[in-house]
Amino acid sequence: LEEAAFQLQQVFRIDISIALNILGIESMRAGHYGIAYTCFKLAADRGYSKAQFNVGLCYEHGRGTEKDLEKAAFYYCHAASSRHPMAQYRYARYLLGHTPAHSWHRHQEAVTFLEQAAVAGITEAQAYLGVFYLRGLQPKEERGLKYLLLAAKSGDAQSRYHLGVCYEQGLGVQQNLAEAMSHYRQAAAAGSPSARERLRL
C-alpha cells in the first residue's frame, strides 16, 4: 500500500498522506473496506486530519475494522482539533451523548466544536445547534433561530419545521401564524412528516 501511495505521490507530486487517503477512498468505493481502513490508518498516523476523520468513520460504522465508538471518537477528536468541520460535529455529538451531565467542561467543549462546525457550513451542526439552543436547560431562542435559518436555507426539512414551531409559538421571534404555515408547507414539501402533521392539525 505504501508503495502504491508512493507511486501516486510521484505522479501527482502530492504528500504521501494525501496519496494514502485517496487510495483509501478509492478502496472504500470498490468495497475493499479492509484495504481502505489500512490506507486511512497509515495516513491518520502521519497526522493527516482527513484520514483521521475517515478512520473515525471506519470505527463508527465497522467498515474494515471492528465497530468501536470510543476509537471513533479518538480519531474524530484529533481531526476536530485540526479544524476538520465534520469531525468537529461528530466528536461534539459523541461528547454530548457520552458525557455525564455534571461534566460542564466536556459539555462546553462539545458546544464549541458544534459552533465551529456550524460556522464552517456543516448543515447537521447548524440544525443540531438550533434545536439545542431552543430546548436547552437555559434556552437561547434567538441564537437557536439563527442556526435553524442557516440549516433551513441549506435545505434541511426538519430545521424548516422547527422554524415553523418558532413562529407558531413566538420562540425567539414575534408570533406569526402565517409565517409558521409557510415554513410548515415548505418543510412538508421537503418530506418532513412532523410538518405534514402540524399542517393537518
C-alpha atoms as a PDB file:
ATOM      1  CA  LEU A   1       0.000   0.000   0.000  1.00  0.00           C
ATOM      2  CA  GLU A   2       2.796   2.415   0.846  1.00  0.00           C
ATOM      3  CA  GLU A   3       4.461   1.556  -2.491  1.00  0.00           C
ATOM      4  CA  ALA A   4       1.198   2.298  -4.328  1.00  0.00           C
ATOM      5  CA  ALA A   5       0.882   5.555  -2.411  1.00  0.00           C
ATOM      6  CA  PHE A   6       4.491   6.391  -3.287  1.00  0.00           C
ATOM      7  CA  GLN A   7       3.744   5.842  -6.991  1.00  0.00           C
ATOM      8  CA  LEU A   8       0.668   8.056  -6.729  1.00  0.00           C
ATOM      9  CA  GLN A   9       2.775  10.655  -4.946  1.00  0.00           C
ATOM     10  CA  GLN A  10       5.347  10.626  -7.748  1.00  0.00           C
ATOM     11  CA  VAL A  11       2.697  11.028 -10.445  1.00  0.00           C
ATOM     12  CA  PHE A  12       0.825  13.896  -8.801  1.00  0.00           C
ATOM     13  CA  ARG A  13       3.601  15.373  -6.613  1.00  0.00           C
ATOM     14  CA  ILE A  14       1.399  15.210  -3.533  1.00  0.00           C
ATOM     15  CA  ASP A  15       2.096  14.417   0.100  1.00  0.00           C
ATOM     16  CA  ILE A  16       2.235  10.687   0.914  1.00  0.00           C
ATOM     17  CA  SER A  17      -0.598  11.094   3.461  1.00  0.00           C
ATOM     18  CA  ILE A  18      -2.869  12.610   0.809  1.00  0.00           C
ATOM     19  CA  ALA A  19      -1.972   9.763  -1.562  1.00  0.00           C
ATOM     20  CA  LEU A  20      -2.804   7.140   1.076  1.00  0.00           C
ATOM     21  CA  ASN A  21      -6.113   8.859   1.842  1.00  0.00           C
ATOM     22  CA  ILE A  22      -7.015   8.903  -1.876  1.00  0.00           C
ATOM     23  CA  LEU A  23      -6.203   5.189  -2.117  1.00  0.00           C
ATOM     24  CA  GLY A  24      -8.393   4.615   0.927  1.00  0.00           C
ATOM     25  CA  ILE A  25     -11.328   6.466  -0.615  1.00  0.00           C
ATOM     26  CA  GLU A  26     -10.988   4.537  -3.893  1.00  0.00           C
ATOM     27  CA  SER A  27     -10.742   1.233  -1.997  1.00  0.00           C
ATOM     28  CA  MET A  28     -13.846   2.116   0.031  1.00  0.00           C
ATOM     29  CA  ARG A  29     -15.776   2.874  -3.170  1.00  0.00           C
ATOM     30  CA  ALA A  30     -14.702  -0.502  -4.580  1.00  0.00           C
ATOM     31  CA  GLY A  31     -15.931  -2.258  -1.440  1.00  0.00           C
ATOM     32  CA  HIS A  32     -12.424  -3.184  -0.216  1.00  0.00           C
ATOM     33  CA  TYR A  33     -13.048  -1.956   3.325  1.00  0.00           C
ATOM     34  CA  GLY A  34     -10.031  -3.628   4.952  1.00  0.00           C
ATOM     35  CA  ILE A  35      -7.614  -2.045   2.478  1.00  0.00           C
ATOM     36  CA  ALA A  36      -9.388   1.313   2.830  1.00  0.00           C
ATOM     37  CA  TYR A  37      -9.089   1.198   6.617  1.00  0.00           C
ATOM     38  CA  THR A  38      -5.373   0.360   6.379  1.00  0.00           C
ATOM     39  CA  CYS A  39      -4.731   3.255   3.980  1.00  0.00           C
ATOM     40  CA  PHE A  40      -6.670   5.702   6.165  1.00  0.00           C
ATOM     41  CA  LYS A  41      -4.884   4.477   9.292  1.00  0.00           C
ATOM     42  CA  LEU A  42      -1.425   4.891   7.749  1.00  0.00           C
ATOM     43  CA  ALA A  43      -2.264   8.456   6.708  1.00  0.00           C
ATOM     44  CA  ALA A  44      -4.000   9.221  10.023  1.00  0.00           C
ATOM     45  CA  ASP A  45      -0.962   8.107  11.998  1.00  0.00           C
ATOM     46  CA  ARG A  46       1.033  10.653   9.999  1.00  0.00           C
ATOM     47  CA  GLY A  47      -1.292  13.359  11.352  1.00  0.00           C
ATOM     48  CA  TYR A  48      -3.477  13.937   8.260  1.00  0.00           C
ATOM     49  CA  SER A  49      -6.843  15.197   9.546  1.00  0.00           C
ATOM     50  CA  LYS A  50      -8.963  13.992   6.593  1.00  0.00           C
ATOM     51  CA  ALA A  51      -7.627  10.470   7.100  1.00  0.00           C
ATOM     52  CA  GLN A  52      -8.183  10.725  10.866  1.00  0.00           C
ATOM     53  CA  PHE A  53     -11.820  11.571  10.132  1.00  0.00           C
ATOM     54  CA  ASN A  54     -12.071   8.617   7.740  1.00  0.00           C
ATOM     55  CA  VAL A  55     -10.605   6.243  10.348  1.00  0.00           C
ATOM     56  CA  GLY A  56     -13.247   7.579  12.741  1.00  0.00           C
ATOM     57  CA  LEU A  57     -15.946   6.724  10.206  1.00  0.00           C
ATOM     58  CA  CYS A  58     -14.497   3.212   9.808  1.00  0.00           C
ATOM     59  CA  TYR A  59     -14.686   2.632  13.562  1.00  0.00           C
ATOM     60  CA  GLU A  60     -18.129   4.226  13.888  1.00  0.00           C
ATOM     61  CA  HIS A  61     -19.668   2.069  11.152  1.00  0.00           C
ATOM     62  CA  GLY A  62     -17.482  -1.050  11.440  1.00  0.00           C
ATOM     63  CA  ARG A  63     -16.040  -0.736   7.936  1.00  0.00           C
ATOM     64  CA  GLY A  64     -12.743  -2.607   7.528  1.00  0.00           C
ATOM     65  CA  THR A  65     -12.385  -2.945  11.291  1.00  0.00           C
ATOM     66  CA  GLU A  66     -14.500  -3.709  14.344  1.00  0.00           C
ATOM     67  CA  LYS A  67     -17.136  -1.180  15.374  1.00  0.00           C
ATOM     68  CA  ASP A  68     -15.768   0.867  18.291  1.00  0.00           C
ATOM     69  CA  LEU A  69     -17.298   4.244  19.188  1.00  0.00           C
ATOM     70  CA  GLU A  70     -14.530   5.134  21.643  1.00  0.00           C
ATOM     71  CA  LYS A  71     -11.861   4.650  18.980  1.00  0.00           C
ATOM     72  CA  ALA A  72     -14.024   6.573  16.504  1.00  0.00           C
ATOM     73  CA  ALA A  73     -14.223   9.442  18.992  1.00  0.00           C
ATOM     74  CA  PHE A  74     -10.436   9.312  19.496  1.00  0.00           C
ATOM     75  CA  TYR A  75      -9.825   9.873  15.773  1.00  0.00           C
ATOM     76  CA  TYR A  76     -12.639  12.405  15.444  1.00  0.00           C
ATOM     77  CA  CYS A  77     -11.072  14.314  18.339  1.00  0.00           C
ATOM     78  CA  HIS A  78      -7.702  14.504  16.573  1.00  0.00           C
ATOM     79  CA  ALA A  79      -9.294  15.616  13.311  1.00  0.00           C
ATOM     80  CA  ALA A  80     -11.545  18.105  15.125  1.00  0.00           C
ATOM     81  CA  SER A  81      -8.516  19.625  16.847  1.00  0.00           C
ATOM     82  CA  SER A  82      -7.088  20.225  13.348  1.00  0.00           C
ATOM     83  CA  ARG A  83     -10.292  22.093  12.425  1.00  0.00           C
ATOM     84  CA  HIS A  84     -11.926  19.375  10.302  1.00  0.00           C
ATOM     85  CA  PRO A  85     -15.569  20.621  10.383  1.00  0.00           C
ATOM     86  CA  MET A  86     -17.399  17.291  10.029  1.00  0.00           C
ATOM     87  CA  ALA A  87     -15.101  15.718  12.637  1.00  0.00           C
ATOM     88  CA  GLN A  88     -15.926  18.622  14.951  1.00  0.00           C
ATOM     89  CA  TYR A  89     -19.627  17.865  14.512  1.00  0.00           C
ATOM     90  CA  ARG A  90     -19.270  14.100  15.034  1.00  0.00           C
ATOM     91  CA  TYR A  91     -16.952  14.457  18.018  1.00  0.00           C
ATOM     92  CA  ALA A  92     -19.304  17.003  19.606  1.00  0.00           C
ATOM     93  CA  ARG A  93     -22.251  14.627  19.173  1.00  0.00           C
ATOM     94  CA  TYR A  94     -20.197  11.872  20.786  1.00  0.00           C
ATOM     95  CA  LEU A  95     -19.296  14.106  23.737  1.00  0.00           C
ATOM     96  CA  LEU A  96     -22.904  15.179  24.278  1.00  0.00           C
ATOM     97  CA  GLY A  97     -24.106  11.597  24.152  1.00  0.00           C
ATOM     98  CA  HIS A  98     -21.394  10.078  26.357  1.00  0.00           C
ATOM     99  CA  THR A  99     -20.569  12.768  28.912  1.00  0.00           C
ATOM    100  CA  PRO A 100     -22.100  12.823  32.399  1.00  0.00           C
ATOM    101  CA  ALA A 101     -24.498  15.737  32.946  1.00  0.00           C
ATOM    102  CA  HIS A 102     -22.283  17.250  35.658  1.00  0.00           C
ATOM    103  CA  SER A 103     -19.190  17.440  33.392  1.00  0.00           C
ATOM    104  CA  TRP A 104     -19.530  21.106  32.408  1.00  0.00           C
ATOM    105  CA  HIS A 105     -16.085  21.337  30.787  1.00  0.00           C
ATOM    106  CA  ARG A 106     -16.723  18.482  28.322  1.00  0.00           C
ATOM    107  CA  HIS A 107     -20.195  19.825  27.613  1.00  0.00           C
ATOM    108  CA  GLN A 108     -18.711  23.254  26.804  1.00  0.00           C
ATOM    109  CA  GLU A 109     -16.050  21.641  24.602  1.00  0.00           C
ATOM    110  CA  ALA A 110     -18.806  19.922  22.622  1.00  0.00           C
ATOM    111  CA  VAL A 111     -20.747  23.176  22.134  1.00  0.00           C
ATOM    112  CA  THR A 112     -17.566  24.948  20.989  1.00  0.00           C
ATOM    113  CA  PHE A 113     -16.897  22.260  18.376  1.00  0.00           C
ATOM    114  CA  LEU A 114     -20.539  22.414  17.232  1.00  0.00           C
ATOM    115  CA  GLU A 115     -20.303  26.200  16.863  1.00  0.00           C
ATOM    116  CA  GLN A 116     -17.106  25.882  14.798  1.00  0.00           C
ATOM    117  CA  ALA A 117     -18.666  23.235  12.553  1.00  0.00           C
ATOM    118  CA  ALA A 118     -21.824  25.317  12.111  1.00  0.00           C
ATOM    119  CA  VAL A 119     -19.829  28.422  11.168  1.00  0.00           C
ATOM    120  CA  ALA A 120     -17.887  26.286   8.666  1.00  0.00           C
ATOM    121  CA  GLY A 121     -21.209  25.472   6.979  1.00  0.00           C
ATOM    122  CA  ILE A 122     -21.977  21.962   8.255  1.00  0.00           C
ATOM    123  CA  THR A 123     -25.780  21.813   7.959  1.00  0.00           C
ATOM    124  CA  GLU A 124     -26.082  18.995  10.504  1.00  0.00           C
ATOM    125  CA  ALA A 125     -24.277  21.110  13.112  1.00  0.00           C
ATOM    126  CA  GLN A 126     -26.481  24.130  12.368  1.00  0.00           C
ATOM    127  CA  ALA A 127     -29.645  22.040  12.711  1.00  0.00           C
ATOM    128  CA  TYR A 128     -28.429  20.396  15.919  1.00  0.00           C
ATOM    129  CA  LEU A 129     -27.443  23.722  17.483  1.00  0.00           C
ATOM    130  CA  GLY A 130     -30.746  25.297  16.502  1.00  0.00           C
ATOM    131  CA  VAL A 131     -32.734  22.710  18.457  1.00  0.00           C
ATOM    132  CA  PHE A 132     -30.089  22.566  21.203  1.00  0.00           C
ATOM    133  CA  TYR A 133     -30.427  26.291  21.910  1.00  0.00           C
ATOM    134  CA  LEU A 134     -34.224  26.214  21.710  1.00  0.00           C
ATOM    135  CA  ARG A 135     -34.661  23.279  24.085  1.00  0.00           C
ATOM    136  CA  GLY A 136     -31.643  23.572  26.384  1.00  0.00           C
ATOM    137  CA  LEU A 137     -31.791  23.967  30.145  1.00  0.00           C
ATOM    138  CA  GLN A 138     -31.225  27.686  29.597  1.00  0.00           C
ATOM    139  CA  PRO A 139     -32.862  28.328  26.207  1.00  0.00           C
ATOM    140  CA  LYS A 140     -31.255  30.889  23.906  1.00  0.00           C
ATOM    141  CA  GLU A 141     -34.101  31.194  21.446  1.00  0.00           C
ATOM    142  CA  GLU A 142     -32.688  33.923  19.184  1.00  0.00           C
ATOM    143  CA  ARG A 143     -29.413  32.035  18.796  1.00  0.00           C
ATOM    144  CA  GLY A 144     -31.324  28.837  18.071  1.00  0.00           C
ATOM    145  CA  LEU A 145     -33.408  30.630  15.454  1.00  0.00           C
ATOM    146  CA  LYS A 146     -30.243  31.897  13.736  1.00  0.00           C
ATOM    147  CA  TYR A 147     -28.867  28.369  13.301  1.00  0.00           C
ATOM    148  CA  LEU A 148     -32.228  26.945  12.210  1.00  0.00           C
ATOM    149  CA  LEU A 149     -32.405  29.592   9.481  1.00  0.00           C
ATOM    150  CA  LEU A 150     -28.926  28.665   8.238  1.00  0.00           C
ATOM    151  CA  ALA A 151     -29.780  24.946   8.150  1.00  0.00           C
ATOM    152  CA  ALA A 152     -33.170  25.572   6.510  1.00  0.00           C
ATOM    153  CA  LYS A 153     -31.516  27.665   3.788  1.00  0.00           C
ATOM    154  CA  SER A 154     -29.289  24.649   3.087  1.00  0.00           C
ATOM    155  CA  GLY A 155     -32.419  22.531   2.553  1.00  0.00           C
ATOM    156  CA  ASP A 156     -32.794  20.824   5.940  1.00  0.00           C
ATOM    157  CA  ALA A 157     -36.516  19.973   6.216  1.00  0.00           C
ATOM    158  CA  GLN A 158     -36.534  19.422   9.992  1.00  0.00           C
ATOM    159  CA  SER A 159     -34.948  22.832  10.584  1.00  0.00           C
ATOM    160  CA  ARG A 160     -37.641  24.363   8.368  1.00  0.00           C
ATOM    161  CA  TYR A 161     -40.235  22.573  10.517  1.00  0.00           C
ATOM    162  CA  HIS A 162     -38.663  23.904  13.729  1.00  0.00           C
ATOM    163  CA  LEU A 163     -38.760  27.418  12.260  1.00  0.00           C
ATOM    164  CA  GLY A 164     -42.496  26.920  11.838  1.00  0.00           C
ATOM    165  CA  VAL A 165     -42.729  25.979  15.521  1.00  0.00           C
ATOM    166  CA  CYS A 166     -40.779  29.126  16.457  1.00  0.00           C
ATOM    167  CA  TYR A 167     -43.182  31.354  14.520  1.00  0.00           C
ATOM    168  CA  GLU A 168     -46.244  29.483  15.766  1.00  0.00           C
ATOM    169  CA  GLN A 169     -45.208  29.747  19.429  1.00  0.00           C
ATOM    170  CA  GLY A 170     -43.260  33.027  19.310  1.00  0.00           C
ATOM    171  CA  LEU A 171     -39.891  31.500  20.238  1.00  0.00           C
ATOM    172  CA  GLY A 172     -37.094  33.993  19.561  1.00  0.00           C
ATOM    173  CA  VAL A 173     -39.349  35.843  17.149  1.00  0.00           C
ATOM    174  CA  GLN A 174     -42.718  37.593  17.184  1.00  0.00           C
ATOM    175  CA  GLN A 175     -45.589  35.103  16.836  1.00  0.00           C
ATOM    176  CA  ASN A 176     -46.793  34.937  13.240  1.00  0.00           C
ATOM    177  CA  LEU A 177     -49.135  32.103  12.217  1.00  0.00           C
ATOM    178  CA  ALA A 178     -48.977  32.922   8.510  1.00  0.00           C
ATOM    179  CA  GLU A 179     -45.177  32.685   8.604  1.00  0.00           C
ATOM    180  CA  ALA A 180     -45.444  29.448  10.609  1.00  0.00           C
ATOM    181  CA  MET A 181     -47.752  27.962   7.951  1.00  0.00           C
ATOM    182  CA  SER A 182     -45.316  28.997   5.212  1.00  0.00           C
ATOM    183  CA  HIS A 183     -42.441  27.181   6.939  1.00  0.00           C
ATOM    184  CA  TYR A 184     -44.600  24.108   7.628  1.00  0.00           C
ATOM    185  CA  ARG A 185     -45.627  23.942   3.956  1.00  0.00           C
ATOM    186  CA  GLN A 186     -42.007  24.172   2.784  1.00  0.00           C
ATOM    187  CA  ALA A 187     -40.920  21.534   5.311  1.00  0.00           C
ATOM    188  CA  ALA A 188     -43.786  19.212   4.319  1.00  0.00           C
ATOM    189  CA  ALA A 189     -42.916  19.610   0.640  1.00  0.00           C
ATOM    190  CA  ALA A 190     -39.315  18.668   1.515  1.00  0.00           C
ATOM    191  CA  GLY A 191     -40.538  15.481   3.200  1.00  0.00           C
ATOM    192  CA  SER A 192     -40.996  16.348   6.889  1.00  0.00           C
ATOM    193  CA  PRO A 193     -43.735  14.139   8.425  1.00  0.00           C
ATOM    194  CA  SER A 194     -43.823  16.406  11.513  1.00  0.00           C
ATOM    195  CA  ALA A 195     -44.663  19.384   9.302  1.00  0.00           C
ATOM    196  CA  ARG A 196     -47.402  17.449   7.485  1.00  0.00           C
ATOM    197  CA  GLU A 197     -48.929  16.531  10.847  1.00  0.00           C
ATOM    198  CA  ARG A 198     -48.708  20.140  12.053  1.00  0.00           C
ATOM    199  CA  LEU A 199     -50.451  21.373   8.903  1.00  0.00           C
ATOM    200  CA  ARG A 200     -53.206  18.794   9.330  1.00  0.00           C
ATOM    201  CA  LEU A 201     -53.825  19.968  12.897  1.00  0.00           C
END
